[in-house]
Amino acid sequence: MIFWERDAYAIARKITGNNPLSFDLVSHVFIILYRYDIPEADIPAMFSRIAWNQWTWSRSEFWKLYRSSFDELIEIAEIETEVIESNYRKLLRDFIETDSMDDQENFKKEITKMHLCGMTFREIQQNTGISLDTIHRAIKQFKNDLFNYSNRNCEGNDDLQVT
C-alpha cells in the first residue's frame, strides 16, 4: 500500500516537526495498527490520531521508549507519586547535580543516569557504542565517588557501602 511507503512518513514528519524519531514513530504506530482490523480507507486518519497521541502524550509507550530523559522521569515521578525523598535519594540527587569541570566525572554521571533510568548495560552499549567493560567501570567508579561524597557530607553513613 502506498500509504505506508510515503504518506505515513510525511504525516510523521509533520507531527514531529522533522524530528529524526519520525521514522521510529511510523514503525511504532504500524505495530499498534496491525493489532486491529481497520478498513483501508480509515488507516490514514487512525494513523494520524495514534501517531499524534504517541508523540505528545507523556504517558504513551512511544514517549517512554524514545523521548523521555532523566530530568523528565524525575519530574513525572515527583508529580505522580509525591514521593517524600529519603536522605539517600537526596544525597544521590545532590551528587549527580553538582557541577564538575572534569569530563571524566561528567561521563560517569551520564552513564549512571542512563542506568538509573532503567537502561541495562547492553542498552547503554547499543545507544552509545561504549564497551560493556567501560560502562561497568564507570558505574563502579561512580559508586565509589558517591561513597566518598557521602562520607564527606554526612556523618555516620556506614550503611552506604560500595559493592
Protein backbone atom coordinates (compact mmCIF):
# COMPACT_ATOMS: atom_id res chain seq x y z
CA MET A 1 0.00 0.00 0.00
CA ILE A 2 1.36 3.42 -0.99
CA PHE A 3 0.30 4.98 2.31
CA TRP A 4 2.99 3.09 4.25
CA GLU A 5 5.69 3.94 1.68
CA ARG A 6 5.24 7.72 1.53
CA ASP A 7 2.23 9.23 3.27
CA ALA A 8 2.86 7.75 6.71
CA TYR A 9 6.37 9.20 6.77
CA ALA A 10 5.13 12.60 5.60
CA ILE A 11 2.48 12.66 8.35
CA ALA A 12 5.02 11.59 10.98
CA ARG A 13 7.46 14.30 9.86
CA LYS A 14 4.73 16.93 10.22
CA ILE A 15 3.69 15.66 13.65
CA THR A 16 7.27 15.54 14.96
CA GLY A 17 8.48 18.71 13.27
CA ASN A 18 11.04 16.78 11.17
CA ASN A 19 12.48 15.06 14.23
CA PRO A 20 14.65 12.04 13.35
CA LEU A 21 12.39 9.95 15.57
CA SER A 22 9.63 10.27 12.96
CA PHE A 23 10.84 7.04 11.31
CA ASP A 24 10.59 5.21 14.63
CA LEU A 25 7.15 6.70 15.17
CA VAL A 26 5.90 5.23 11.86
CA SER A 27 7.15 1.77 12.82
CA HIS A 28 5.69 2.04 16.31
CA VAL A 29 2.25 3.13 15.08
CA PHE A 30 2.28 0.45 12.37
CA ILE A 31 2.67 -2.21 15.08
CA ILE A 32 -0.21 -0.70 17.05
CA LEU A 33 -2.50 -0.54 13.99
CA TYR A 34 -1.58 -4.07 12.96
CA ARG A 35 -3.39 -5.37 16.05
CA TYR A 36 -6.74 -4.03 14.82
CA ASP A 37 -8.88 -4.79 11.79
CA ILE A 38 -9.22 -1.30 10.33
CA PRO A 39 -10.72 -0.63 6.87
CA GLU A 40 -8.09 0.57 4.42
CA ALA A 41 -9.86 3.89 3.89
CA ASP A 42 -9.68 4.70 7.62
CA ILE A 43 -5.98 3.90 8.07
CA PRO A 44 -4.64 7.44 7.35
CA ALA A 45 -6.99 9.03 9.91
CA MET A 46 -6.29 6.37 12.52
CA PHE A 47 -2.56 6.59 11.85
CA SER A 48 -2.62 10.36 12.31
CA ARG A 49 -4.57 10.16 15.55
CA ILE A 50 -2.46 7.41 17.08
CA ALA A 51 0.82 8.98 15.91
CA TRP A 52 -0.18 12.34 17.43
CA ASN A 53 -1.15 10.69 20.72
CA GLN A 54 2.03 8.63 20.86
CA TRP A 55 4.18 11.69 20.11
CA THR A 56 2.51 14.16 22.50
CA TRP A 57 1.30 12.13 25.48
CA SER A 58 3.98 11.77 28.12
CA ARG A 59 2.40 8.51 29.27
CA SER A 60 2.41 6.86 25.84
CA GLU A 61 4.52 3.83 25.14
CA PHE A 62 6.47 5.67 22.40
CA TRP A 63 7.24 8.60 24.70
CA LYS A 64 8.54 6.27 27.40
CA LEU A 65 10.66 4.28 24.96
CA TYR A 66 12.13 7.08 22.87
CA ARG A 67 11.51 10.58 24.21
CA SER A 68 11.91 10.50 27.95
CA SER A 69 15.08 11.69 29.63
CA PHE A 70 16.41 11.62 33.14
CA ASP A 71 15.02 15.03 34.12
CA GLU A 72 11.57 14.25 32.70
CA LEU A 73 11.46 10.97 34.59
CA ILE A 74 12.28 12.77 37.83
CA GLU A 75 9.51 15.34 37.19
CA ILE A 76 6.95 12.64 36.36
CA ALA A 77 7.86 10.66 39.47
CA GLU A 78 7.55 13.74 41.68
CA ILE A 79 4.21 14.79 40.21
CA GLU A 80 2.53 11.36 40.12
CA THR A 81 3.77 9.73 43.27
CA GLU A 82 4.55 12.70 45.51
CA VAL A 83 7.46 10.80 46.95
CA ILE A 84 9.00 12.04 50.16
CA GLU A 85 12.68 11.86 49.45
CA SER A 86 14.82 9.85 51.78
CA ASN A 87 18.20 11.14 52.86
CA TYR A 88 19.87 8.74 50.45
CA ARG A 89 17.84 9.83 47.45
CA LYS A 90 18.56 13.47 48.31
CA LEU A 91 22.24 12.63 48.65
CA LEU A 92 22.25 10.90 45.26
CA ARG A 93 20.42 13.79 43.58
CA ASP A 94 22.78 16.35 45.15
CA PHE A 95 25.81 14.38 44.00
CA ILE A 96 24.51 14.00 40.43
CA GLU A 97 23.58 17.67 40.18
CA THR A 98 26.91 19.01 41.44
CA ASP A 99 28.84 20.72 38.69
CA SER A 100 32.24 19.36 37.85
CA MET A 101 34.81 20.71 35.44
CA ASP A 102 36.19 17.22 34.85
CA ASP A 103 34.99 15.42 31.70
CA GLN A 104 35.51 12.02 33.31
CA GLU A 105 33.24 12.97 36.19
CA ASN A 106 30.53 14.11 33.78
CA PHE A 107 30.95 10.90 31.73
CA LYS A 108 30.44 8.72 34.84
CA LYS A 109 27.39 10.73 35.86
CA GLU A 110 25.76 10.49 32.42
CA ILE A 111 26.33 6.73 32.18
CA THR A 112 24.90 6.30 35.69
CA LYS A 113 21.88 8.47 34.84
CA MET A 114 21.10 6.15 31.92
CA HIS A 115 21.36 3.13 34.21
CA LEU A 116 19.20 4.79 36.88
CA CYS A 117 16.55 5.44 34.22
CA GLY A 118 16.27 1.69 33.76
CA MET A 119 18.60 1.02 30.86
CA THR A 120 20.63 -2.16 31.03
CA PHE A 121 24.36 -2.17 30.32
CA ARG A 122 23.65 -3.67 26.89
CA GLU A 123 21.08 -0.99 26.05
CA ILE A 124 23.58 1.70 27.03
CA GLN A 125 26.16 -0.03 24.83
CA GLN A 126 23.76 -0.15 21.87
CA ASN A 127 22.78 3.52 22.23
CA THR A 128 26.26 4.91 22.84
CA GLY A 129 28.72 2.45 21.31
CA ILE A 130 30.67 2.32 24.59
CA SER A 131 32.06 -1.07 25.59
CA LEU A 132 30.40 -3.04 28.40
CA ASP A 133 33.63 -3.06 30.37
CA THR A 134 33.88 0.74 30.24
CA ILE A 135 30.24 1.10 31.29
CA HIS A 136 30.76 -1.28 34.20
CA ARG A 137 33.92 0.53 35.34
CA ALA A 138 32.23 3.95 35.05
CA ILE A 139 29.28 2.90 37.21
CA LYS A 140 31.56 1.21 39.74
CA GLN A 141 33.70 4.35 39.96
CA PHE A 142 30.53 6.42 40.35
CA LYS A 143 29.57 4.25 43.33
CA ASN A 144 33.00 4.82 44.87
CA ASP A 145 32.76 8.57 44.28
CA LEU A 146 29.27 8.64 45.80
CA PHE A 147 30.51 6.74 48.85
CA ASN A 148 33.37 9.23 49.31
CA TYR A 149 30.99 12.15 48.78
CA SER A 150 28.57 10.75 51.36
CA ASN A 151 31.32 10.37 53.95
CA ARG A 152 32.35 14.00 53.45
CA ASN A 153 28.81 15.41 53.63
CA CYS A 154 27.10 13.08 56.13
CA GLU A 155 28.27 11.68 59.40
CA GLY A 156 27.88 8.00 60.18
CA ASN A 157 26.56 6.67 56.85
CA ASP A 158 28.01 3.20 57.34
CA ASP A 159 25.07 1.57 55.57
CA LEU A 160 26.12 3.12 52.22
CA GLN A 161 28.62 0.52 51.09
CA VAL A 162 30.24 0.02 47.73
CA THR A 163 29.92 -3.49 46.37
